[in-house]
Amino acid sequence: MPFIPLFPLNLVVFPHEDLNLHIFEPRYRQLINECLDEKKTFGIPSFVNSKLLGYGTEVEVKQLSKRYGDGRMDIKTKGLRIFRIVDFQNPAKDKLYAGGDVVFVENEDLSEVINPYLLSLVEKLYRLLKVKVDYEKPEYMPFSYRIAHKIGISMQEEYEILTTSSEKIRQEILIDHLERIIPVVTEVERTKERIAMNGHFKELDPLNF
């Protein structure tokens, strides 16, 4: 059972995801320096609602972007594999940072098939919001991971995506969310239009009584 350094954060990191971090605490400066020197990975377990829930993602340091004179660092990382913590130690033996024994979780469904209905809902949401979001890359990243941060789901829902091993089921979770949120967004946009019209001259059709 592998033991890895752990860097709990109030976010959910997905496999293949790029994440930029500013490292400033002494314990995490120690952790990252060891990862750089020893070419080893570390884990980011999700800290949700003030609780360490037990699952996270192993990440590797891809680049040290900047090192400051006081020891702080800017780094670029990439998500690798999902893990479940079996034994959490805070701090790890002879270290400033936490660590733990973990079990890596395999995805059951590695299919790149995208549910057409999910795709239509995502596009409808972006049209309503009048925003353009790039969710087409990277192609090797499961679609649910590509868009989970980009459709307004809560961190708890992101964590549910992280802990679900089937891509098919992950996409169904996202569909449920979009079916709930799109009617709300639609009504908000209508309300904005009504507010914008207030005070303007209106040409109204006569009513027949």
C-alpha atoms as a PDB file:
ATOM      1  CA  MET A   1       0.000   0.000   0.000  1.00  0.00           C
ATOM      2  CA  PRO A   2       1.711   3.223  -1.125  1.00  0.00           C
ATOM      3  CA  PHE A   3       2.342   6.105   1.246  1.00  0.00           C
ATOM      4  CA  ILE A   4       2.159   9.568  -0.319  1.00  0.00           C
ATOM      5  CA  PRO A   5       2.515  13.147   0.959  1.00  0.00           C
ATOM      6  CA  LEU A   6      -0.877  14.861   1.259  1.00  0.00           C
ATOM      7  CA  PHE A   7      -1.804  18.478   0.599  1.00  0.00           C
ATOM      8  CA  PRO A   8      -5.515  18.865   1.557  1.00  0.00           C
ATOM      9  CA  LEU A   9      -7.262  21.688  -0.295  1.00  0.00           C
ATOM     10  CA  ASN A  10     -10.746  23.141  -0.379  1.00  0.00           C
ATOM     11  CA  LEU A  11     -11.283  22.011  -3.973  1.00  0.00           C
ATOM     12  CA  VAL A  12     -11.723  18.928  -6.142  1.00  0.00           C
ATOM     13  CA  VAL A  13      -8.977  18.008  -8.603  1.00  0.00           C
ATOM     14  CA  PHE A  14      -9.733  15.601 -11.460  1.00  0.00           C
ATOM     15  CA  PRO A  15      -7.339  13.267 -13.273  1.00  0.00           C
ATOM     16  CA  HIS A  16      -5.647  14.985 -16.265  1.00  0.00           C
ATOM     17  CA  GLU A  17      -6.577  18.414 -14.900  1.00  0.00           C
ATOM     18  CA  ASP A  18      -3.974  21.188 -14.912  1.00  0.00           C
ATOM     19  CA  LEU A  19      -3.755  23.100 -11.644  1.00  0.00           C
ATOM     20  CA  ASN A  20      -1.542  26.081 -10.777  1.00  0.00           C
ATOM     21  CA  LEU A  21      -0.659  26.498  -7.105  1.00  0.00           C
ATOM     22  CA  HIS A  22       1.015  29.200  -5.029  1.00  0.00           C
ATOM     23  CA  ILE A  23       2.955  27.507  -2.226  1.00  0.00           C
ATOM     24  CA  PHE A  24       3.637  29.611   0.853  1.00  0.00           C
ATOM     25  CA  GLU A  25       3.206  27.585   4.075  1.00  0.00           C
ATOM     26  CA  PRO A  26       6.466  26.086   5.426  1.00  0.00           C
ATOM     27  CA  ARG A  27       5.003  22.567   5.566  1.00  0.00           C
ATOM     28  CA  TYR A  28       3.983  22.647   1.909  1.00  0.00           C
ATOM     29  CA  ARG A  29       7.209  24.304   0.835  1.00  0.00           C
ATOM     30  CA  GLN A  30       8.926  21.275   2.393  1.00  0.00           C
ATOM     31  CA  LEU A  31       6.534  18.913   0.588  1.00  0.00           C
ATOM     32  CA  ILE A  32       6.997  20.502  -2.837  1.00  0.00           C
ATOM     33  CA  ASN A  33      10.781  20.793  -2.482  1.00  0.00           C
ATOM     34  CA  GLU A  34      10.931  17.058  -1.752  1.00  0.00           C
ATOM     35  CA  CYS A  35       8.726  16.315  -4.760  1.00  0.00           C
ATOM     36  CA  LEU A  36      10.990  18.406  -6.978  1.00  0.00           C
ATOM     37  CA  ASP A  37      14.218  16.923  -5.605  1.00  0.00           C
ATOM     38  CA  GLU A  38      13.039  13.305  -5.535  1.00  0.00           C
ATOM     39  CA  LYS A  39      10.755  13.393  -8.608  1.00  0.00           C
ATOM     40  CA  LYS A  40       7.845  12.077  -6.562  1.00  0.00           C
ATOM     41  CA  THR A  41       4.135  12.801  -6.598  1.00  0.00           C
ATOM     42  CA  PHE A  42       1.796  14.028  -3.870  1.00  0.00           C
ATOM     43  CA  GLY A  43      -1.930  13.831  -3.210  1.00  0.00           C
ATOM     44  CA  ILE A  44      -4.608  16.512  -2.994  1.00  0.00           C
ATOM     45  CA  PRO A  45      -7.480  15.128  -0.901  1.00  0.00           C
ATOM     46  CA  SER A  46     -10.654  17.207  -1.046  1.00  0.00           C
ATOM     47  CA  PHE A  47     -11.503  19.177   2.090  1.00  0.00           C
ATOM     48  CA  VAL A  48     -15.262  19.777   1.773  1.00  0.00           C
ATOM     49  CA  ASN A  49     -17.430  21.587   4.328  1.00  0.00           C
ATOM     50  CA  SER A  50     -14.549  21.599   6.836  1.00  0.00           C
ATOM     51  CA  LYS A  51     -14.136  17.824   6.531  1.00  0.00           C
ATOM     52  CA  LEU A  52     -11.501  15.616   4.954  1.00  0.00           C
ATOM     53  CA  LEU A  53     -13.793  13.211   3.129  1.00  0.00           C
ATOM     54  CA  GLY A  54     -11.271  10.556   2.156  1.00  0.00           C
ATOM     55  CA  TYR A  55     -10.862  10.740  -1.623  1.00  0.00           C
ATOM     56  CA  GLY A  56      -8.465  12.829  -3.650  1.00  0.00           C
ATOM     57  CA  THR A  57      -6.237  12.924  -6.698  1.00  0.00           C
ATOM     58  CA  GLU A  58      -2.552  12.156  -7.032  1.00  0.00           C
ATOM     59  CA  VAL A  59      -0.730  14.968  -8.842  1.00  0.00           C
ATOM     60  CA  GLU A  60       2.727  15.546 -10.240  1.00  0.00           C
ATOM     61  CA  VAL A  61       4.668  18.793 -10.375  1.00  0.00           C
ATOM     62  CA  LYS A  62       5.086  19.627 -14.044  1.00  0.00           C
ATOM     63  CA  GLN A  63       6.938  22.895 -13.632  1.00  0.00           C
ATOM     64  CA  LEU A  64       8.390  25.204 -11.018  1.00  0.00           C
ATOM     65  CA  SER A  65       7.251  28.519 -12.517  1.00  0.00           C
ATOM     66  CA  LYS A  66       8.777  30.853  -9.951  1.00  0.00           C
ATOM     67  CA  ARG A  67      10.696  30.647  -6.713  1.00  0.00           C
ATOM     68  CA  TYR A  68      10.564  33.693  -4.463  1.00  0.00           C
ATOM     69  CA  GLY A  69      13.363  34.910  -2.199  1.00  0.00           C
ATOM     70  CA  ASP A  70      11.416  33.971   0.946  1.00  0.00           C
ATOM     71  CA  GLY A  71      10.881  30.375  -0.204  1.00  0.00           C
ATOM     72  CA  ARG A  72       7.416  30.718  -1.696  1.00  0.00           C
ATOM     73  CA  MET A  73       6.815  29.023  -5.045  1.00  0.00           C
ATOM     74  CA  ASP A  74       4.474  29.058  -8.021  1.00  0.00           C
ATOM     75  CA  ILE A  75       4.097  25.586  -9.512  1.00  0.00           C
ATOM     76  CA  LYS A  76       2.160  23.900 -12.309  1.00  0.00           C
ATOM     77  CA  THR A  77       0.729  20.464 -11.574  1.00  0.00           C
ATOM     78  CA  LYS A  78      -1.298  17.822 -13.385  1.00  0.00           C
ATOM     79  CA  GLY A  79      -3.783  15.344 -11.931  1.00  0.00           C
ATOM     80  CA  LEU A  80      -2.969  11.655 -12.324  1.00  0.00           C
ATOM     81  CA  ARG A  81      -5.013   9.064 -10.415  1.00  0.00           C
ATOM     82  CA  ILE A  82      -7.835   9.043  -7.885  1.00  0.00           C
ATOM     83  CA  PHE A  83      -7.072   7.580  -4.480  1.00  0.00           C
ATOM     84  CA  ARG A  84      -8.853   6.693  -1.258  1.00  0.00           C
ATOM     85  CA  ILE A  85      -7.087   7.409   2.033  1.00  0.00           C
ATOM     86  CA  VAL A  86      -6.727   4.344   4.247  1.00  0.00           C
ATOM     87  CA  ASP A  87      -4.578   5.860   6.996  1.00  0.00           C
ATOM     88  CA  PHE A  88      -4.179   9.622   7.445  1.00  0.00           C
ATOM     89  CA  GLN A  89      -1.214  10.941   9.408  1.00  0.00           C
ATOM     90  CA  ASN A  90      -0.956  14.609  10.311  1.00  0.00           C
ATOM     91  CA  PRO A  91       1.879  15.288  10.347  1.00  0.00           C
ATOM     92  CA  ALA A  92       3.631  12.401   8.640  1.00  0.00           C
ATOM     93  CA  LYS A  93       6.562  10.924  10.550  1.00  0.00           C
ATOM     94  CA  ASP A  94       9.513  13.356  10.721  1.00  0.00           C
ATOM     95  CA  LYS A  95       7.736  15.783   8.357  1.00  0.00           C
ATOM     96  CA  LEU A  96       5.924  19.098   8.641  1.00  0.00           C
ATOM     97  CA  TYR A  97       3.209  18.021   6.200  1.00  0.00           C
ATOM     98  CA  ALA A  98       0.527  15.331   6.312  1.00  0.00           C
ATOM     99  CA  GLY A  99       0.681  11.984   4.546  1.00  0.00           C
ATOM    100  CA  GLY A 100      -1.162   8.728   4.308  1.00  0.00           C
ATOM    101  CA  ASP A 101      -1.468   5.193   3.038  1.00  0.00           C
ATOM    102  CA  VAL A 102      -3.731   5.180  -0.005  1.00  0.00           C
ATOM    103  CA  VAL A 103      -5.464   2.835  -2.419  1.00  0.00           C
ATOM    104  CA  PHE A 104      -5.686   3.955  -6.027  1.00  0.00           C
ATOM    105  CA  VAL A 105      -9.134   3.740  -7.629  1.00  0.00           C
ATOM    106  CA  GLU A 106      -9.533   2.558 -11.210  1.00  0.00           C
ATOM    107  CA  ASN A 107     -12.162   3.927 -13.547  1.00  0.00           C
ATOM    108  CA  GLU A 108     -14.606   1.216 -14.640  1.00  0.00           C
ATOM    109  CA  ASP A 109     -15.559   2.939 -17.878  1.00  0.00           C
ATOM    110  CA  LEU A 110     -12.844   4.632 -19.908  1.00  0.00           C
ATOM    111  CA  SER A 111     -15.131   5.256 -22.884  1.00  0.00           C
ATOM    112  CA  GLU A 112     -14.886   8.648 -24.531  1.00  0.00           C
ATOM    113  CA  VAL A 113     -18.526   8.480 -25.662  1.00  0.00           C
ATOM    114  CA  ILE A 114     -20.347  11.730 -24.890  1.00  0.00           C
ATOM    115  CA  ASN A 115     -24.070  11.589 -24.197  1.00  0.00           C
ATOM    116  CA  PRO A 116     -25.610  13.807 -26.948  1.00  0.00           C
ATOM    117  CA  TYR A 117     -28.322  15.014 -24.583  1.00  0.00           C
ATOM    118  CA  LEU A 118     -25.695  16.145 -22.044  1.00  0.00           C
ATOM    119  CA  LEU A 119     -23.829  17.996 -24.771  1.00  0.00           C
ATOM    120  CA  SER A 120     -27.028  19.764 -25.879  1.00  0.00           C
ATOM    121  CA  LEU A 121     -27.736  20.848 -22.290  1.00  0.00           C
ATOM    122  CA  VAL A 122     -24.217  22.213 -21.861  1.00  0.00           C
ATOM    123  CA  GLU A 123     -24.516  24.202 -25.082  1.00  0.00           C
ATOM    124  CA  LYS A 124     -27.963  25.502 -24.042  1.00  0.00           C
ATOM    125  CA  LEU A 125     -26.592  26.707 -20.698  1.00  0.00           C
ATOM    126  CA  TYR A 126     -23.741  28.562 -22.391  1.00  0.00           C
ATOM    127  CA  ARG A 127     -26.152  30.186 -24.862  1.00  0.00           C
ATOM    128  CA  LEU A 128     -28.347  31.375 -22.003  1.00  0.00           C
ATOM    129  CA  LEU A 129     -25.361  32.784 -20.137  1.00  0.00           C
ATOM    130  CA  LYS A 130     -23.923  34.275 -23.338  1.00  0.00           C
ATOM    131  CA  VAL A 131     -20.494  32.872 -22.554  1.00  0.00           C
ATOM    132  CA  LYS A 132     -18.039  30.809 -24.528  1.00  0.00           C
ATOM    133  CA  VAL A 133     -16.234  28.080 -22.614  1.00  0.00           C
ATOM    134  CA  ASP A 134     -13.649  25.725 -24.093  1.00  0.00           C
ATOM    135  CA  TYR A 135     -14.521  22.189 -23.027  1.00  0.00           C
ATOM    136  CA  GLU A 136     -13.270  20.346 -26.103  1.00  0.00           C
ATOM    137  CA  LYS A 137      -9.710  19.790 -24.877  1.00  0.00           C
ATOM    138  CA  PRO A 138      -7.886  17.784 -23.790  1.00  0.00           C
ATOM    139  CA  GLU A 139      -9.576  15.047 -25.823  1.00  0.00           C
ATOM    140  CA  TYR A 140      -8.087  12.246 -23.701  1.00  0.00           C
ATOM    141  CA  MET A 141      -9.779  13.626 -20.572  1.00  0.00           C
ATOM    142  CA  PRO A 142     -13.222  12.096 -19.861  1.00  0.00           C
ATOM    143  CA  PHE A 143     -15.957  14.571 -20.794  1.00  0.00           C
ATOM    144  CA  SER A 144     -17.395  14.659 -17.278  1.00  0.00           C
ATOM    145  CA  TYR A 145     -14.022  15.812 -15.919  1.00  0.00           C
ATOM    146  CA  ARG A 146     -13.667  18.403 -18.688  1.00  0.00           C
ATOM    147  CA  ILE A 147     -16.917  20.211 -17.859  1.00  0.00           C
ATOM    148  CA  ALA A 148     -17.520  19.517 -14.154  1.00  0.00           C
ATOM    149  CA  HIS A 149     -15.876  22.802 -13.100  1.00  0.00           C
ATOM    150  CA  LYS A 150     -17.623  24.726 -15.881  1.00  0.00           C
ATOM    151  CA  ILE A 151     -21.361  24.251 -15.364  1.00  0.00           C
ATOM    152  CA  GLY A 152     -21.880  25.662 -11.890  1.00  0.00           C
ATOM    153  CA  ILE A 153     -22.113  22.494  -9.805  1.00  0.00           C
ATOM    154  CA  SER A 154     -21.319  22.672  -6.104  1.00  0.00           C
ATOM    155  CA  MET A 155     -18.095  21.366  -4.610  1.00  0.00           C
ATOM    156  CA  GLN A 156     -20.074  18.535  -3.003  1.00  0.00           C
ATOM    157  CA  GLU A 157     -21.349  17.559  -6.459  1.00  0.00           C
ATOM    158  CA  GLU A 158     -17.823  17.780  -7.874  1.00  0.00           C
ATOM    159  CA  TYR A 159     -16.740  15.396  -5.124  1.00  0.00           C
ATOM    160  CA  GLU A 160     -19.538  13.012  -6.133  1.00  0.00           C
ATOM    161  CA  ILE A 161     -18.154  13.098  -9.683  1.00  0.00           C
ATOM    162  CA  LEU A 162     -14.672  12.346  -8.330  1.00  0.00           C
ATOM    163  CA  THR A 163     -15.846   9.317  -6.362  1.00  0.00           C
ATOM    164  CA  THR A 164     -17.961   7.838  -9.186  1.00  0.00           C
ATOM    165  CA  SER A 165     -15.939   5.387 -11.250  1.00  0.00           C
ATOM    166  CA  SER A 166     -18.254   5.102 -14.276  1.00  0.00           C
ATOM    167  CA  GLU A 167     -18.146   7.820 -16.936  1.00  0.00           C
ATOM    168  CA  LYS A 168     -21.702   6.949 -17.940  1.00  0.00           C
ATOM    169  CA  ILE A 169     -22.995   7.572 -14.410  1.00  0.00           C
ATOM    170  CA  ARG A 170     -20.904  10.735 -14.037  1.00  0.00           C
ATOM    171  CA  GLN A 171     -22.544  12.131 -17.157  1.00  0.00           C
ATOM    172  CA  GLU A 172     -25.978  11.221 -15.789  1.00  0.00           C
ATOM    173  CA  ILE A 173     -25.186  13.188 -12.601  1.00  0.00           C
ATOM    174  CA  LEU A 174     -24.293  16.211 -14.712  1.00  0.00           C
ATOM    175  CA  ILE A 175     -27.504  15.853 -16.739  1.00  0.00           C
ATOM    176  CA  ASP A 176     -29.548  15.891 -13.518  1.00  0.00           C
ATOM    177  CA  HIS A 177     -27.790  19.087 -12.450  1.00  0.00           C
ATOM    178  CA  LEU A 178     -28.318  20.827 -15.797  1.00  0.00           C
ATOM    179  CA  GLU A 179     -31.999  19.850 -15.933  1.00  0.00           C
ATOM    180  CA  ARG A 180     -32.424  21.556 -12.542  1.00  0.00           C
ATOM    181  CA  ILE A 181     -30.352  24.662 -13.225  1.00  0.00           C
ATOM    182  CA  ILE A 182     -31.336  25.572 -16.806  1.00  0.00           C
ATOM    183  CA  PRO A 183     -34.962  26.513 -15.961  1.00  0.00           C
ATOM    184  CA  VAL A 184     -33.633  28.723 -13.132  1.00  0.00           C
ATOM    185  CA  VAL A 185     -31.123  30.429 -15.429  1.00  0.00           C
ATOM    186  CA  THR A 186     -33.821  30.863 -18.084  1.00  0.00           C
ATOM    187  CA  GLU A 187     -36.100  32.640 -15.619  1.00  0.00           C
ATOM    188  CA  VAL A 188     -33.246  34.842 -14.386  1.00  0.00           C
ATOM    189  CA  GLU A 189     -32.484  35.910 -17.951  1.00  0.00           C
ATOM    190  CA  ARG A 190     -36.172  36.720 -18.546  1.00  0.00           C
ATOM    191  CA  THR A 191     -36.224  38.770 -15.362  1.00  0.00           C
ATOM    192  CA  LYS A 192     -33.133  40.682 -16.495  1.00  0.00           C
ATOM    193  CA  GLU A 193     -34.846  41.445 -19.804  1.00  0.00           C
ATOM    194  CA  ARG A 194     -37.977  42.705 -18.027  1.00  0.00           C
ATOM    195  CA  ILE A 195     -35.878  44.912 -15.765  1.00  0.00           C
ATOM    196  CA  ALA A 196     -33.976  46.292 -18.765  1.00  0.00           C
ATOM    197  CA  MET A 197     -37.268  47.190 -20.484  1.00  0.00           C
ATOM    198  CA  ASN A 198     -38.567  49.109 -17.491  1.00  0.00           C
ATOM    199  CA  GLY A 199     -38.742  52.835 -18.291  1.00  0.00           C
ATOM    200  CA  HIS A 200     -38.502  52.386 -22.062  1.00  0.00           C
ATOM    201  CA  PHE A 201     -41.326  53.306 -24.457  1.00  0.00           C
ATOM    202  CA  LYS A 202     -43.300  50.181 -25.261  1.00  0.00           C
ATOM    203  CA  GLU A 203     -45.378  49.431 -28.328  1.00  0.00           C
ATOM    204  CA  LEU A 204     -48.098  47.101 -27.140  1.00  0.00           C
ATOM    205  CA  ASP A 205     -50.763  45.252 -29.067  1.00  0.00           C
ATOM    206  CA  PRO A 206     -54.345  46.322 -28.156  1.00  0.00           C
ATOM    207  CA  LEU A 207     -56.298  43.745 -26.219  1.00  0.00           C
ATOM    208  CA  ASN A 208     -59.698  42.567 -27.408  1.00  0.00           C
ATOM    209  CA  PHE A 209     -62.222  42.190 -24.584  1.00  0.00           C
END
